[in-house]
Amino acid sequence: MSLRINPELQAVVAPLTTEEYAQLRDNIQRDGLLEPITLWEEESGTILDGHNRYAICQELGIGFRTKVLSFLGIEAAKLWILEHQVGRRNLTDDQRAVIWNDIREQRAAVSRAAAIVKARDAKAAPAPVGDTVSPTEKPRTLAAVVAESKIPERTLRRAQKLKKTNPDLYERVRSGTVTLREASKPKKNDKKFTEKDYFARIGRGLAASFSGVDPRLKELIAIKKSEWTPQADEGIRCLLHNLTEVSDKADGYANQLRAVLKRNA
């Protein structure tokens, strides 16, 4: 079964890290796809939730189940994706703040879209004299979102301001590569070197550099004589060249960092 991907819907979801994607791939390869892929009924075959799972199933040739949800328009579909996402991913507090800010905005967008439809319908078929038309439900306020999300109002306001002033940094907070505090109030170089998290993020990046290829390298290490081909011979020689380049680069940085330690001892 071939499914459709709407880039506008796919962009709503915070991307998985390399490590998260590799773990998801390993889980699906071991157990199959346990959770169905959610589709949008009005846009036949369009994925709402499960873009990564679908890509992995296609790569591994694994079958999958689907379920279908109905939404009146794309704004409502986006809102469902955001609300579904914020409750199920292992997100940082800053990532949750960004998504809850998007939820607040998206609820307003859904309310506006509903008001437009209601006004159009009323114009096409005016209500009889004496009938009253119930007002469109107002989007939940910032205070209501604060109560629902348990995120401090100042943090949500910081996310809201960042989205307006620096959308690129806002997306980096969503992906987890920078914190909301760093994005909102950039630190001077002499300050960031005092923060443990600055070094921890670099360390996590180094640790994750092989996470996406570890399973494939292990498969190659365990390759059997019966599986050997000229293509495998050529491919492994190329990989050895790549690994040598990576090793040389790592050794270069390691030597320079040792020199930094010695210089500042």
Protein backbone atom coordinates (compact mmCIF):
# COMPACT_ATOMS: atom_id res chain seq x y z
CA MET A 1 0.00 0.00 0.00
CA SER A 2 1.43 3.36 -1.06
CA LEU A 3 0.61 6.34 1.13
CA ARG A 4 0.75 10.07 0.42
CA ILE A 5 2.91 12.60 2.27
CA ASN A 6 1.78 16.20 2.56
CA PRO A 7 4.93 18.26 3.33
CA GLU A 8 2.82 20.84 5.18
CA LEU A 9 1.53 18.18 7.57
CA GLN A 10 4.88 16.43 7.88
CA ALA A 11 6.55 19.72 8.89
CA VAL A 12 4.24 20.04 11.90
CA VAL A 13 6.03 17.18 13.66
CA ALA A 14 9.32 17.77 15.48
CA PRO A 15 11.93 15.62 13.72
CA LEU A 16 13.42 12.57 15.43
CA THR A 17 17.07 12.69 16.39
CA THR A 18 19.40 10.25 14.62
CA GLU A 19 19.46 8.14 17.76
CA GLU A 20 15.66 8.11 18.11
CA TYR A 21 15.22 7.14 14.44
CA ALA A 22 17.75 4.33 14.76
CA GLN A 23 16.01 3.01 17.89
CA LEU A 24 12.62 3.14 16.16
CA ARG A 25 14.07 1.27 13.17
CA ASP A 26 15.54 -1.41 15.44
CA ASN A 27 12.22 -1.81 17.26
CA ILE A 28 10.24 -2.18 14.04
CA GLN A 29 12.79 -4.60 12.57
CA ARG A 30 12.58 -6.73 15.72
CA ASP A 31 8.86 -6.54 16.56
CA GLY A 32 7.15 -5.32 13.39
CA LEU A 33 4.98 -2.19 13.39
CA LEU A 34 2.85 -2.37 16.55
CA GLU A 35 1.10 0.99 16.16
CA PRO A 36 -1.02 1.77 13.09
CA ILE A 37 -0.27 4.72 10.82
CA THR A 38 -2.97 7.40 11.05
CA LEU A 39 -4.47 8.70 7.80
CA TRP A 40 -6.69 11.67 6.97
CA GLU A 41 -10.04 10.40 5.70
CA GLU A 42 -10.87 13.45 3.57
CA GLU A 43 -7.46 13.31 1.85
CA SER A 44 -7.34 9.64 0.92
CA GLY A 45 -4.07 7.94 1.83
CA THR A 46 -2.46 11.07 3.35
CA ILE A 47 -0.42 10.44 6.50
CA LEU A 48 -1.26 12.40 9.64
CA ASP A 49 0.86 10.46 12.11
CA GLY A 50 3.56 7.89 11.34
CA HIS A 51 5.81 9.44 8.67
CA ASN A 52 8.95 7.89 10.18
CA ARG A 53 7.27 4.52 10.76
CA TYR A 54 6.06 4.48 7.16
CA ALA A 55 9.54 5.29 5.80
CA ILE A 56 11.10 2.52 7.89
CA CYS A 57 8.46 -0.03 6.85
CA GLN A 58 9.08 0.85 3.21
CA GLU A 59 12.83 0.46 3.70
CA LEU A 60 12.55 -2.89 5.49
CA GLY A 61 9.67 -4.26 3.42
CA ILE A 62 7.48 -4.66 6.52
CA GLY A 63 3.68 -4.50 6.34
CA PHE A 64 1.68 -2.02 8.38
CA ARG A 65 -1.85 -1.29 9.57
CA THR A 66 -3.64 2.04 9.23
CA LYS A 67 -6.47 3.87 10.94
CA VAL A 68 -8.46 6.79 9.57
CA LEU A 69 -9.55 10.04 11.23
CA SER A 70 -11.87 12.69 9.82
CA PHE A 71 -11.17 16.45 9.86
CA LEU A 72 -13.02 19.29 8.14
CA GLY A 73 -9.86 21.06 7.01
CA ILE A 74 -6.09 21.17 7.16
CA GLU A 75 -6.04 23.53 10.17
CA ALA A 76 -7.97 21.01 12.26
CA ALA A 77 -5.71 18.22 11.01
CA LYS A 78 -2.60 20.18 12.05
CA LEU A 79 -4.08 20.82 15.49
CA TRP A 80 -4.69 17.10 16.02
CA ILE A 81 -1.08 16.32 15.05
CA LEU A 82 0.27 18.87 17.53
CA GLU A 83 -1.96 17.77 20.40
CA HIS A 84 -1.21 14.11 19.67
CA GLN A 85 2.52 14.75 19.48
CA VAL A 86 2.96 16.77 22.67
CA GLY A 87 1.66 13.95 24.84
CA ARG A 88 3.62 11.02 23.45
CA ARG A 89 7.20 12.03 22.62
CA ASN A 90 10.09 12.19 25.07
CA LEU A 91 10.44 15.94 24.67
CA THR A 92 12.43 18.49 26.65
CA ASP A 93 10.54 21.22 28.50
CA ASP A 94 11.64 23.74 25.86
CA GLN A 95 10.39 21.55 23.01
CA ARG A 96 7.07 21.16 24.83
CA ALA A 97 6.85 24.95 25.27
CA VAL A 98 7.35 25.47 21.53
CA ILE A 99 4.74 22.86 20.62
CA TRP A 100 2.23 24.26 23.13
CA ASN A 101 2.75 27.70 21.61
CA ASP A 102 1.99 26.16 18.21
CA ILE A 103 -1.12 24.50 19.70
CA ARG A 104 -2.34 27.85 21.02
CA GLU A 105 -1.85 29.45 17.61
CA GLN A 106 -3.39 26.51 15.79
CA ARG A 107 -6.51 26.57 17.97
CA ALA A 108 -6.97 30.20 16.96
CA ALA A 109 -6.51 29.22 13.28
CA VAL A 110 -9.13 26.47 13.60
CA SER A 111 -11.54 28.91 15.26
CA ARG A 112 -11.04 31.46 12.47
CA ALA A 113 -11.56 28.81 9.80
CA ALA A 114 -14.77 27.65 11.50
CA ALA A 115 -16.03 31.24 11.73
CA ILE A 116 -15.45 31.75 8.00
CA VAL A 117 -17.38 28.57 7.15
CA LYS A 118 -20.20 29.54 9.51
CA ALA A 119 -20.47 33.03 8.04
CA ARG A 120 -20.49 31.62 4.50
CA ASP A 121 -23.22 29.12 5.37
CA ALA A 122 -25.29 31.80 7.10
CA LYS A 123 -25.02 34.02 4.03
CA ALA A 124 -26.08 31.18 1.77
CA ALA A 125 -29.02 30.19 3.97
CA PRO A 126 -30.02 33.00 6.35
CA ALA A 127 -31.62 31.87 9.61
CA PRO A 128 -35.39 32.52 9.95
CA VAL A 129 -36.39 35.65 11.86
CA GLY A 130 -36.38 34.95 15.56
CA ASP A 131 -33.75 32.20 15.36
CA THR A 132 -30.42 32.81 17.01
CA VAL A 133 -27.09 31.57 15.76
CA SER A 134 -24.73 30.30 18.46
CA PRO A 135 -21.40 32.11 18.40
CA THR A 136 -18.29 30.32 17.20
CA GLU A 137 -16.32 28.82 20.07
CA LYS A 138 -13.50 31.14 21.03
CA PRO A 139 -9.98 29.76 20.98
CA ARG A 140 -8.58 28.96 24.41
CA THR A 141 -6.57 31.84 25.86
CA LEU A 142 -2.91 31.81 26.87
CA ALA A 143 -3.97 31.45 30.51
CA ALA A 144 -5.99 28.36 29.65
CA VAL A 145 -3.05 26.84 27.77
CA VAL A 146 -0.78 27.57 30.76
CA ALA A 147 -3.20 25.70 33.02
CA GLU A 148 -3.53 22.80 30.59
CA SER A 149 0.16 22.41 29.75
CA LYS A 150 1.58 23.19 33.23
CA ILE A 151 4.22 25.32 31.50
CA PRO A 152 4.96 28.76 33.06
CA GLU A 153 3.37 31.66 31.21
CA ARG A 154 6.73 33.46 30.88
CA THR A 155 8.15 30.41 29.07
CA LEU A 156 5.25 30.30 26.62
CA ARG A 157 5.56 34.05 26.04
CA ARG A 158 9.28 33.59 25.38
CA ALA A 159 8.48 30.92 22.79
CA GLN A 160 5.82 33.15 21.23
CA LYS A 161 8.25 36.07 20.95
CA LEU A 162 11.03 33.91 19.52
CA LYS A 163 8.76 32.57 16.76
CA LYS A 164 8.01 36.13 15.66
CA THR A 165 11.57 37.46 15.89
CA ASN A 166 13.67 34.46 14.83
CA PRO A 167 11.76 31.56 13.21
CA ASP A 168 15.00 29.70 12.39
CA LEU A 169 16.08 29.59 16.03
CA TYR A 170 12.53 28.65 16.99
CA GLU A 171 12.79 25.56 14.77
CA ARG A 172 16.14 24.68 16.33
CA VAL A 173 14.50 24.74 19.76
CA ARG A 174 11.79 22.46 18.37
CA SER A 175 14.45 20.01 17.14
CA GLY A 176 16.20 20.08 20.52
CA THR A 177 19.56 21.40 19.27
CA VAL A 178 19.41 24.61 21.36
CA THR A 179 17.54 25.63 24.49
CA LEU A 180 14.87 28.29 24.59
CA ARG A 181 17.00 30.36 26.93
CA GLU A 182 19.98 30.25 24.56
CA ALA A 183 17.80 31.11 21.59
CA SER A 184 16.05 33.99 23.36
CA LYS A 185 19.11 35.50 25.06
CA PRO A 186 22.31 34.47 23.23
CA LYS A 187 25.22 34.22 25.62
CA LYS A 188 28.68 35.62 25.14
CA ASN A 189 31.36 33.07 24.34
CA ASP A 190 33.02 33.55 27.73
CA LYS A 191 29.74 32.62 29.47
CA LYS A 192 28.69 29.54 27.55
CA PHE A 193 31.94 27.77 28.39
CA THR A 194 30.86 27.72 32.04
CA GLU A 195 27.75 25.63 31.32
CA LYS A 196 27.95 21.86 31.57
CA ASP A 197 25.09 21.49 29.09
CA TYR A 198 27.14 23.24 26.38
CA PHE A 199 29.71 20.43 26.52
CA ALA A 200 27.05 17.76 27.10
CA ARG A 201 25.30 18.67 23.83
CA ILE A 202 28.56 18.32 21.91
CA GLY A 203 29.15 14.97 23.61
CA ARG A 204 25.67 13.77 22.75
CA GLY A 205 26.26 14.77 19.14
CA LEU A 206 29.49 12.78 19.03
CA ALA A 207 27.85 9.77 20.68
CA ALA A 208 24.99 9.86 18.18
CA SER A 209 27.22 10.13 15.11
CA PHE A 210 27.33 6.35 14.67
CA SER A 211 23.86 5.55 16.03
CA GLY A 212 22.24 5.57 12.61
CA VAL A 213 24.77 3.19 11.04
CA ASP A 214 25.71 0.89 13.92
CA PRO A 215 23.15 -1.82 12.98
CA ARG A 216 24.35 -1.85 9.35
CA LEU A 217 28.03 -1.99 10.34
CA LYS A 218 27.27 -4.93 12.64
CA GLU A 219 25.51 -6.68 9.73
CA LEU A 220 28.62 -6.21 7.57
CA ILE A 221 30.90 -7.51 10.32
CA ALA A 222 28.78 -10.67 10.45
CA ILE A 223 28.66 -11.15 6.65
CA LYS A 224 28.96 -14.79 5.54
CA LYS A 225 31.06 -16.29 2.77
CA SER A 226 27.86 -17.26 0.94
CA GLU A 227 26.75 -13.60 0.94
CA TRP A 228 30.04 -12.24 -0.42
CA THR A 229 29.86 -10.39 -3.76
CA PRO A 230 32.15 -8.07 -5.75
CA GLN A 231 29.87 -5.22 -4.71
CA ALA A 232 30.38 -6.12 -1.04
CA ASP A 233 34.15 -6.15 -1.53
CA GLU A 234 34.12 -2.71 -3.17
CA GLY A 235 31.64 -1.30 -0.66
CA ILE A 236 33.58 -2.43 2.41
CA ARG A 237 36.82 -0.99 0.99
CA CYS A 238 35.03 2.36 0.54
CA LEU A 239 33.68 2.19 4.11
CA LEU A 240 37.18 1.52 5.43
CA HIS A 241 38.33 4.67 3.64
CA ASN A 242 35.43 6.62 5.19
CA LEU A 243 36.19 5.28 8.68
CA THR A 244 39.86 6.20 8.29
CA GLU A 245 38.87 9.76 7.40
CA VAL A 246 36.56 9.94 10.44
CA SER A 247 39.29 8.50 12.67
CA ASP A 248 41.86 10.99 11.38
CA LYS A 249 39.48 13.87 11.98
CA ALA A 250 38.69 12.62 15.51
CA ASP A 251 42.41 12.25 16.28
CA GLY A 252 43.02 15.78 15.03
CA TYR A 253 40.36 17.27 17.32
CA ALA A 254 41.54 15.11 20.23
CA ASN A 255 45.13 16.33 19.86
CA GLN A 256 44.01 19.96 19.64
CA LEU A 257 41.80 19.61 22.73
CA ARG A 258 44.69 18.03 24.64
CA ALA A 259 46.75 21.07 23.66
CA VAL A 260 43.96 23.34 24.99
CA LEU A 261 44.02 21.50 28.32
CA LYS A 262 47.79 21.78 28.52
CA ARG A 263 47.73 25.46 27.54
CA ASN A 264 45.19 26.35 30.21
CA ALA A 265 46.46 24.07 32.97
